Amino acid sequence: MIKLPRIPSLRLDGRRALVTGAGRGLGLACAAALAEAGAEVWLAARGSAEVEAAAQALRARGDRAHALVLDVTDVAATARAVAEHGPFQVLVNNAGTNRPKPFEQVREDDVDALLALNTKAAFFVARAVAMGLKKAGLPGSIIQMSSQMGHVGGVDRSIYCMTKHALEGMSKAMALELGPFGVRVNTVCPTFIETPMTHDWLATPAFRELVLAKIPMGRVGRVEDVMGAVLFLAGDAAALVTGSALMVDGGWTAS
């Protein structure tokens, strides 16, 4: 009799997860995906009212969710929070920002702001989670929210591309160091996703047409597109996937 292999489960029961920038938009969607799969999720964001409401919405549907008011650019506070509530077997390092403008108009404070959140904070959040996993002797999945702009260039996005390209390199190096401990590190690289942060840009007809012209599948992304990618990387179905970038870009980077 042939013994057929079975698909690894996408369930995350019994695992703790941390999602940064989880008060709304893509971060909230990722937290909702992990919680629906059975994880106990901590939603981290700076805005207390927003993140409390997000966690309450998840609890109202029967999920295990906690609000964590946290500014991830505060390295010491982040380390304390991860040590207190972890270890986290899943991290979605989602907090990030953008200040699109021509590179000749970029100010020093623009560079500082994006590097502080998109790169430095991402590094120290991931490091805190990784250290907690190593101390506890647990495997885990660190998922860095990158972008298609971590693989290509973009007009008016010089500093954003800089930070996301840096995140890609950081993640590959971390994957090499953490692989022997069973900790996987990957990036998710979305195209433009319909969220509160992108609403005003995508509501501009000329900009939307420019974006759609670069996406062979002919539409911008929805948060659900990223939820599936994150859920895959978080669990056992991706047990041998590390140091990789999962493109969720409708084909933008294929050309």
Foldseek 3Di string as FASTA:
>chain_A
DDDDDDFDDLADAPFEEEFEPCLWDLRLLQQLLNQVSHHQYEYEYQDPVSQVVSQVVSVVVPTHYHYDNDDLLPLVVLLVVCVVPDLGQEYELEDFDADFDAPVPDDPVRLVVRCSRLPVSSVSNVVSNLVRCLVVLHAHEYEYEAAVLLVPPDGRGVSNSVSRVNVLVSQLVVQVVCVVSNYAGEYEHFYDEPTPNCPVQCVPVVSVVVLQVLAPQRDHHYSVLVNVVSSCRGDDSCSPDHSYYHYRYNCNPVD
